[in-house]
Amino acid sequence: MAGAAVLSAKAAYKSGAGLVKIITPECNRSIIQCALPEALLCTDIASAKALETELEWADAVVIGPGLSKSDNAKMLVKQY
């Protein structure tokens, strides 16, 4: 669901976010980098600790749309 991530990131920029990091599966990398080359991209989240490290710096977190039903996605929703 790369398109959903792109739309969400664009909305974050329009609402005033100075820096946007998109956490997404590797299969979305090329689509997102073409659409939003200025966004930070993370595709390597193998554990809850890795996800927590990626989100430490954030003042706000946008979850979904296009969120999968994976175990990592479920953990993310429960935690944030």
PDB file of N, CA and C in Angstrom:
ATOM      1  N   MET A   1       0.824  -1.193   0.000  1.00  0.00           N
ATOM      2  CA  MET A   1       0.000   0.000   0.000  1.00  0.00           C
ATOM      3  C   MET A   1       0.869   1.258   0.000  1.00  0.00           C
ATOM      4  N   ALA A   2       1.748   1.352  -0.953  1.00  0.00           N
ATOM      5  CA  ALA A   2       2.659   2.490  -1.023  1.00  0.00           C
ATOM      6  C   ALA A   2       1.910   3.796  -1.231  1.00  0.00           C
ATOM      7  N   GLY A   3       0.834   3.755  -1.995  1.00  0.00           N
ATOM      8  CA  GLY A   3       0.070   4.974  -2.254  1.00  0.00           C
ATOM      9  C   GLY A   3      -0.511   5.574  -0.989  1.00  0.00           C
ATOM     10  N   ALA A   4      -0.981   4.731  -0.099  1.00  0.00           N
ATOM     11  CA  ALA A   4      -1.534   5.207   1.166  1.00  0.00           C
ATOM     12  C   ALA A   4      -0.451   5.875   2.008  1.00  0.00           C
ATOM     13  N   ALA A   5       0.738   5.303   2.015  1.00  0.00           N
ATOM     14  CA  ALA A   5       1.845   5.900   2.765  1.00  0.00           C
ATOM     15  C   ALA A   5       2.242   7.247   2.171  1.00  0.00           C
ATOM     16  N   VAL A   6       2.258   7.339   0.856  1.00  0.00           N
ATOM     17  CA  VAL A   6       2.593   8.597   0.180  1.00  0.00           C
ATOM     18  C   VAL A   6       1.563   9.669   0.520  1.00  0.00           C
ATOM     19  N   LEU A   7       0.288   9.332   0.446  1.00  0.00           N
ATOM     20  CA  LEU A   7      -0.761  10.306   0.766  1.00  0.00           C
ATOM     21  C   LEU A   7      -0.668  10.764   2.218  1.00  0.00           C
ATOM     22  N   SER A   8      -0.429   9.838   3.128  1.00  0.00           N
ATOM     23  CA  SER A   8      -0.301  10.194   4.542  1.00  0.00           C
ATOM     24  C   SER A   8       0.905  11.093   4.781  1.00  0.00           C
ATOM     25  N   ALA A   9       2.016  10.787   4.139  1.00  0.00           N
ATOM     26  CA  ALA A   9       3.219  11.605   4.303  1.00  0.00           C
ATOM     27  C   ALA A   9       3.016  13.004   3.727  1.00  0.00           C
ATOM     28  N   LYS A  10       2.369  13.089   2.571  1.00  0.00           N
ATOM     29  CA  LYS A  10       2.087  14.407   1.987  1.00  0.00           C
ATOM     30  C   LYS A  10       1.183  15.221   2.904  1.00  0.00           C
ATOM     31  N   ALA A  11       0.210  14.567   3.525  1.00  0.00           N
ATOM     32  CA  ALA A  11      -0.670  15.261   4.471  1.00  0.00           C
ATOM     33  C   ALA A  11       0.118  15.742   5.685  1.00  0.00           C
ATOM     34  N   ALA A  12       1.063  14.941   6.147  1.00  0.00           N
ATOM     35  CA  ALA A  12       1.896  15.351   7.279  1.00  0.00           C
ATOM     36  C   ALA A  12       2.717  16.587   6.925  1.00  0.00           C
ATOM     37  N   TYR A  13       3.299  16.608   5.727  1.00  0.00           N
ATOM     38  CA  TYR A  13       4.044  17.794   5.288  1.00  0.00           C
ATOM     39  C   TYR A  13       3.134  19.014   5.210  1.00  0.00           C
ATOM     40  N   LYS A  14       1.944  18.845   4.649  1.00  0.00           N
ATOM     41  CA  LYS A  14       1.022  19.986   4.513  1.00  0.00           C
ATOM     42  C   LYS A  14       0.563  20.511   5.863  1.00  0.00           C
ATOM     43  N   SER A  15       0.512  19.633   6.863  1.00  0.00           N
ATOM     44  CA  SER A  15       0.070  20.072   8.185  1.00  0.00           C
ATOM     45  C   SER A  15       1.205  20.686   9.000  1.00  0.00           C
ATOM     46  N   GLY A  16       2.402  20.737   8.433  1.00  0.00           N
ATOM     47  CA  GLY A  16       3.491  21.444   9.085  1.00  0.00           C
ATOM     48  C   GLY A  16       4.650  20.592   9.567  1.00  0.00           C
ATOM     49  N   ALA A  17       4.630  19.307   9.315  1.00  0.00           N
ATOM     50  CA  ALA A  17       5.756  18.464   9.728  1.00  0.00           C
ATOM     51  C   ALA A  17       7.007  18.876   8.958  1.00  0.00           C
ATOM     52  N   GLY A  18       8.079  19.076   9.670  1.00  0.00           N
ATOM     53  CA  GLY A  18       9.320  19.465   9.019  1.00  0.00           C
ATOM     54  C   GLY A  18      10.101  18.284   8.479  1.00  0.00           C
ATOM     55  N   LEU A  19       9.913  17.138   9.093  1.00  0.00           N
ATOM     56  CA  LEU A  19      10.623  15.932   8.702  1.00  0.00           C
ATOM     57  C   LEU A  19       9.668  14.757   8.838  1.00  0.00           C
ATOM     58  N   VAL A  20       9.585  13.946   7.813  1.00  0.00           N
ATOM     59  CA  VAL A  20       8.684  12.791   7.812  1.00  0.00           C
ATOM     60  C   VAL A  20       9.509  11.529   7.589  1.00  0.00           C
ATOM     61  N   LYS A  21       9.297  10.547   8.447  1.00  0.00           N
ATOM     62  CA  LYS A  21       9.931   9.236   8.284  1.00  0.00           C
ATOM     63  C   LYS A  21       8.818   8.231   8.014  1.00  0.00           C
ATOM     64  N   ILE A  22       8.966   7.480   6.939  1.00  0.00           N
ATOM     65  CA  ILE A  22       7.977   6.473   6.567  1.00  0.00           C
ATOM     66  C   ILE A  22       8.559   5.103   6.879  1.00  0.00           C
ATOM     67  N   ILE A  23       7.846   4.338   7.688  1.00  0.00           N
ATOM     68  CA  ILE A  23       8.250   2.971   8.007  1.00  0.00           C
ATOM     69  C   ILE A  23       7.348   2.056   7.193  1.00  0.00           C
ATOM     70  N   THR A  24       7.945   1.302   6.300  1.00  0.00           N
ATOM     71  CA  THR A  24       7.173   0.540   5.319  1.00  0.00           C
ATOM     72  C   THR A  24       7.934  -0.714   4.900  1.00  0.00           C
ATOM     73  N   PRO A  25       7.252  -1.695   4.332  1.00  0.00           N
ATOM     74  CA  PRO A  25       7.966  -2.867   3.807  1.00  0.00           C
ATOM     75  C   PRO A  25       8.884  -2.486   2.636  1.00  0.00           C
ATOM     76  N   GLU A  26       9.916  -3.264   2.442  1.00  0.00           N
ATOM     77  CA  GLU A  26      10.900  -3.021   1.382  1.00  0.00           C
ATOM     78  C   GLU A  26      10.255  -2.904   0.004  1.00  0.00           C
ATOM     79  N   CYS A  27       9.185  -3.649  -0.242  1.00  0.00           N
ATOM     80  CA  CYS A  27       8.552  -3.645  -1.567  1.00  0.00           C
ATOM     81  C   CYS A  27       7.993  -2.269  -1.949  1.00  0.00           C
ATOM     82  N   ASN A  28       7.824  -1.374  -0.984  1.00  0.00           N
ATOM     83  CA  ASN A  28       7.304  -0.030  -1.262  1.00  0.00           C
ATOM     84  C   ASN A  28       8.393   1.012  -1.496  1.00  0.00           C
ATOM     85  N   ARG A  29       9.634   0.639  -1.290  1.00  0.00           N
ATOM     86  CA  ARG A  29      10.739   1.605  -1.313  1.00  0.00           C
ATOM     87  C   ARG A  29      10.787   2.452  -2.584  1.00  0.00           C
ATOM     88  N   SER A  30      10.837   1.847  -3.740  1.00  0.00           N
ATOM     89  CA  SER A  30      11.045   2.620  -4.976  1.00  0.00           C
ATOM     90  C   SER A  30       9.877   3.559  -5.261  1.00  0.00           C
ATOM     91  N   ILE A  31       8.667   3.126  -5.005  1.00  0.00           N
ATOM     92  CA  ILE A  31       7.494   3.979  -5.244  1.00  0.00           C
ATOM     93  C   ILE A  31       7.543   5.204  -4.342  1.00  0.00           C
ATOM     94  N   ILE A  32       7.818   4.983  -3.062  1.00  0.00           N
ATOM     95  CA  ILE A  32       7.829   6.089  -2.105  1.00  0.00           C
ATOM     96  C   ILE A  32       9.000   7.031  -2.371  1.00  0.00           C
ATOM     97  N   GLN A  33      10.167   6.496  -2.680  1.00  0.00           N
ATOM     98  CA  GLN A  33      11.320   7.362  -2.945  1.00  0.00           C
ATOM     99  C   GLN A  33      11.125   8.211  -4.193  1.00  0.00           C
ATOM    100  N   CYS A  34      10.424   7.691  -5.176  1.00  0.00           N
ATOM    101  CA  CYS A  34      10.135   8.492  -6.375  1.00  0.00           C
ATOM    102  C   CYS A  34       9.127   9.592  -6.068  1.00  0.00           C
ATOM    103  N   ALA A  35       8.128   9.279  -5.264  1.00  0.00           N
ATOM    104  CA  ALA A  35       7.071  10.246  -4.963  1.00  0.00           C
ATOM    105  C   ALA A  35       7.501  11.287  -3.932  1.00  0.00           C
ATOM    106  N   LEU A  36       8.312  10.872  -2.963  1.00  0.00           N
ATOM    107  CA  LEU A  36       8.722  11.759  -1.871  1.00  0.00           C
ATOM    108  C   LEU A  36      10.213  11.593  -1.575  1.00  0.00           C
ATOM    109  N   PRO A  37      11.070  12.082  -2.442  1.00  0.00           N
ATOM    110  CA  PRO A  37      12.506  11.893  -2.216  1.00  0.00           C
ATOM    111  C   PRO A  37      13.013  12.576  -0.948  1.00  0.00           C
ATOM    112  N   GLU A  38      12.273  13.555  -0.437  1.00  0.00           N
ATOM    113  CA  GLU A  38      12.706  14.273   0.762  1.00  0.00           C
ATOM    114  C   GLU A  38      12.393  13.521   2.052  1.00  0.00           C
ATOM    115  N   ALA A  39      11.532  12.523   2.004  1.00  0.00           N
ATOM    116  CA  ALA A  39      11.147  11.782   3.205  1.00  0.00           C
ATOM    117  C   ALA A  39      12.221  10.768   3.590  1.00  0.00           C
ATOM    118  N   LEU A  40      12.381  10.570   4.888  1.00  0.00           N
ATOM    119  CA  LEU A  40      13.242   9.495   5.368  1.00  0.00           C
ATOM    120  C   LEU A  40      12.472   8.192   5.220  1.00  0.00           C
ATOM    121  N   LEU A  41      13.164   7.119   4.939  1.00  0.00           N
ATOM    122  CA  LEU A  41      12.507   5.843   4.705  1.00  0.00           C
ATOM    123  C   LEU A  41      13.192   4.757   5.516  1.00  0.00           C
ATOM    124  N   CYS A  42      12.417   3.960   6.204  1.00  0.00           N
ATOM    125  CA  CYS A  42      12.934   2.839   6.973  1.00  0.00           C
ATOM    126  C   CYS A  42      12.170   1.586   6.563  1.00  0.00           C
ATOM    127  N   THR A  43      12.896   0.561   6.165  1.00  0.00           N
ATOM    128  CA  THR A  43      12.248  -0.677   5.729  1.00  0.00           C
ATOM    129  C   THR A  43      12.695  -1.885   6.540  1.00  0.00           C
ATOM    130  N   ASP A  44      13.533  -1.697   7.519  1.00  0.00           N
ATOM    131  CA  ASP A  44      14.111  -2.825   8.247  1.00  0.00           C
ATOM    132  C   ASP A  44      13.672  -2.812   9.708  1.00  0.00           C
ATOM    133  N   ILE A  45      12.450  -3.227   9.957  1.00  0.00           N
ATOM    134  CA  ILE A  45      11.933  -3.296  11.322  1.00  0.00           C
ATOM    135  C   ILE A  45      11.683  -4.767  11.641  1.00  0.00           C
ATOM    136  N   ALA A  46      12.607  -5.373  12.357  1.00  0.00           N
ATOM    137  CA  ALA A  46      12.505  -6.804  12.633  1.00  0.00           C
ATOM    138  C   ALA A  46      11.976  -7.107  14.028  1.00  0.00           C
ATOM    139  N   SER A  47      11.941  -6.097  14.894  1.00  0.00           N
ATOM    140  CA  SER A  47      11.516  -6.357  16.266  1.00  0.00           C
ATOM    141  C   SER A  47      10.849  -5.127  16.858  1.00  0.00           C
ATOM    142  N   ALA A  48      10.207  -5.329  17.985  1.00  0.00           N
ATOM    143  CA  ALA A  48       9.568  -4.215  18.689  1.00  0.00           C
ATOM    144  C   ALA A  48      10.608  -3.178  19.101  1.00  0.00           C
ATOM    145  N   LYS A  49      11.778  -3.628  19.520  1.00  0.00           N
ATOM    146  CA  LYS A  49      12.836  -2.706  19.942  1.00  0.00           C
ATOM    147  C   LYS A  49      13.321  -1.861  18.767  1.00  0.00           C
ATOM    148  N   ALA A  50      13.462  -2.474  17.602  1.00  0.00           N
ATOM    149  CA  ALA A  50      13.885  -1.733  16.414  1.00  0.00           C
ATOM    150  C   ALA A  50      12.850  -0.681  16.045  1.00  0.00           C
ATOM    151  N   LEU A  51      11.589  -1.035  16.142  1.00  0.00           N
ATOM    152  CA  LEU A  51      10.524  -0.082  15.846  1.00  0.00           C
ATOM    153  C   LEU A  51      10.537   1.064  16.846  1.00  0.00           C
ATOM    154  N   GLU A  52      10.703   0.742  18.107  1.00  0.00           N
ATOM    155  CA  GLU A  52      10.757   1.766  19.146  1.00  0.00           C
ATOM    156  C   GLU A  52      11.909   2.739  18.896  1.00  0.00           C
ATOM    157  N   THR A  53      13.048   2.228  18.488  1.00  0.00           N
ATOM    158  CA  THR A  53      14.209   3.066  18.182  1.00  0.00           C
ATOM    159  C   THR A  53      13.904   4.013  17.025  1.00  0.00           C
ATOM    160  N   GLU A  54      13.226   3.524  16.002  1.00  0.00           N
ATOM    161  CA  GLU A  54      12.880   4.360  14.848  1.00  0.00           C
ATOM    162  C   GLU A  54      11.892   5.464  15.212  1.00  0.00           C
ATOM    163  N   LEU A  55      11.056   5.238  16.218  1.00  0.00           N
ATOM    164  CA  LEU A  55      10.019   6.215  16.574  1.00  0.00           C
ATOM    165  C   LEU A  55      10.409   7.139  17.721  1.00  0.00           C
ATOM    166  N   GLU A  56      11.557   6.917  18.355  1.00  0.00           N
ATOM    167  CA  GLU A  56      11.975   7.717  19.508  1.00  0.00           C
ATOM    168  C   GLU A  56      12.000   9.212  19.235  1.00  0.00           C
ATOM    169  N   TRP A  57      12.446   9.603  18.084  1.00  0.00           N
ATOM    170  CA  TRP A  57      12.656  11.012  17.760  1.00  0.00           C
ATOM    171  C   TRP A  57      11.368  11.751  17.412  1.00  0.00           C
ATOM    172  N   ALA A  58      10.276  11.025  17.192  1.00  0.00           N
ATOM    173  CA  ALA A  58       9.051  11.628  16.658  1.00  0.00           C
ATOM    174  C   ALA A  58       8.281  12.429  17.704  1.00  0.00           C
ATOM    175  N   ASP A  59       7.741  13.561  17.276  1.00  0.00           N
ATOM    176  CA  ASP A  59       6.805  14.329  18.092  1.00  0.00           C
ATOM    177  C   ASP A  59       5.378  13.859  17.852  1.00  0.00           C
ATOM    178  N   ALA A  60       5.131  13.304  16.678  1.00  0.00           N
ATOM    179  CA  ALA A  60       3.808  12.786  16.320  1.00  0.00           C
ATOM    180  C   ALA A  60       3.991  11.542  15.455  1.00  0.00           C
ATOM    181  N   VAL A  61       3.040  10.623  15.543  1.00  0.00           N
ATOM    182  CA  VAL A  61       3.085   9.393  14.758  1.00  0.00           C
ATOM    183  C   VAL A  61       1.754   9.240  14.044  1.00  0.00           C
ATOM    184  N   VAL A  62       1.809   9.024  12.737  1.00  0.00           N
ATOM    185  CA  VAL A  62       0.611   8.755  11.937  1.00  0.00           C
ATOM    186  C   VAL A  62       0.601   7.260  11.642  1.00  0.00           C
ATOM    187  N   ILE A  63      -0.479   6.589  12.003  1.00  0.00           N
ATOM    188  CA  ILE A  63      -0.576   5.145  11.785  1.00  0.00           C
ATOM    189  C   ILE A  63      -1.661   4.879  10.763  1.00  0.00           C
ATOM    190  N   GLY A  64      -1.282   4.205   9.645  1.00  0.00           N
ATOM    191  CA  GLY A  64      -2.237   3.909   8.579  1.00  0.00           C
ATOM    192  C   GLY A  64      -2.480   5.150   7.761  1.00  0.00           C
ATOM    193  N   PRO A  65      -3.302   5.181   6.790  1.00  0.00           N
ATOM    194  CA  PRO A  65      -4.042   4.077   6.207  1.00  0.00           C
ATOM    195  C   PRO A  65      -3.105   3.171   5.414  1.00  0.00           C
ATOM    196  N   GLY A  66      -3.611   2.051   4.993  1.00  0.00           N
ATOM    197  CA  GLY A  66      -2.795   1.101   4.259  1.00  0.00           C
ATOM    198  C   GLY A  66      -1.984   0.196   5.163  1.00  0.00           C
ATOM    199  N   LEU A  67      -2.261   0.254   6.453  1.00  0.00           N
ATOM    200  CA  LEU A  67      -1.539  -0.575   7.406  1.00  0.00           C
ATOM    201  C   LEU A  67      -1.897  -2.040   7.190  1.00  0.00           C
ATOM    202  N   SER A  68      -0.909  -2.884   7.183  1.00  0.00           N
ATOM    203  CA  SER A  68      -1.163  -4.313   6.978  1.00  0.00           C
ATOM    204  C   SER A  68      -1.696  -4.951   8.256  1.00  0.00           C
ATOM    205  N   LYS A  69      -1.918  -6.240   8.196  1.00  0.00           N
ATOM    206  CA  LYS A  69      -2.388  -6.986   9.366  1.00  0.00           C
ATOM    207  C   LYS A  69      -1.266  -7.827   9.973  1.00  0.00           C
ATOM    208  N   SER A  70      -0.034  -7.418   9.727  1.00  0.00           N
ATOM    209  CA  SER A  70       1.121  -8.161  10.235  1.00  0.00           C
ATOM    210  C   SER A  70       1.236  -8.021  11.751  1.00  0.00           C
ATOM    211  N   ASP A  71       2.048  -8.871  12.347  1.00  0.00           N
ATOM    212  CA  ASP A  71       2.265  -8.802  13.790  1.00  0.00           C
ATOM    213  C   ASP A  71       2.892  -7.470  14.188  1.00  0.00           C
ATOM    214  N   ASN A  72       3.828  -6.967  13.387  1.00  0.00           N
ATOM    215  CA  ASN A  72       4.440  -5.665  13.677  1.00  0.00           C
ATOM    216  C   ASN A  72       3.410  -4.546  13.628  1.00  0.00           C
ATOM    217  N   ALA A  73       2.497  -4.609  12.677  1.00  0.00           N
ATOM    218  CA  ALA A  73       1.457  -3.585  12.568  1.00  0.00           C
ATOM    219  C   ALA A  73       0.546  -3.616  13.786  1.00  0.00           C
ATOM    220  N   LYS A  74       0.166  -4.799  14.218  1.00  0.00           N
ATOM    221  CA  LYS A  74      -0.687  -4.930  15.406  1.00  0.00           C
ATOM    222  C   LYS A  74       0.017  -4.381  16.637  1.00  0.00           C
ATOM    223  N   MET A  75       1.309  -4.684  16.771  1.00  0.00           N
ATOM    224  CA  MET A  75       2.083  -4.193  17.896  1.00  0.00           C
ATOM    225  C   MET A  75       2.155  -2.661  17.875  1.00  0.00           C
ATOM    226  N   LEU A  76       2.348  -2.104  16.705  1.00  0.00           N
ATOM    227  CA  LEU A  76       2.434  -0.655  16.561  1.00  0.00           C
ATOM    228  C   LEU A  76       1.152   0.019  17.023  1.00  0.00           C
ATOM    229  N   VAL A  77       0.015  -0.503  16.605  1.00  0.00           N
ATOM    230  CA  VAL A  77      -1.271   0.084  16.987  1.00  0.00           C
ATOM    231  C   VAL A  77      -1.487  -0.031  18.490  1.00  0.00           C
ATOM    232  N   LYS A  78      -1.149  -1.157  19.071  1.00  0.00           N
ATOM    233  CA  LYS A  78      -1.326  -1.342  20.517  1.00  0.00           C
ATOM    234  C   LYS A  78      -0.428  -0.407  21.311  1.00  0.00           C
ATOM    235  N   GLN A  79       0.782  -0.200  20.830  1.00  0.00           N
ATOM    236  CA  GLN A  79       1.749   0.605  21.572  1.00  0.00           C
ATOM    237  C   GLN A  79       1.490   2.102  21.447  1.00  0.00           C
ATOM    238  N   TYR A  80       1.038   2.545  20.267  1.00  0.00           N
ATOM    239  CA  TYR A  80       0.879   3.979  20.053  1.00  0.00           C
ATOM    240  C   TYR A  80      -0.557   4.342  19.847  1.00  0.00           C
TER     241      TYR A  80
END
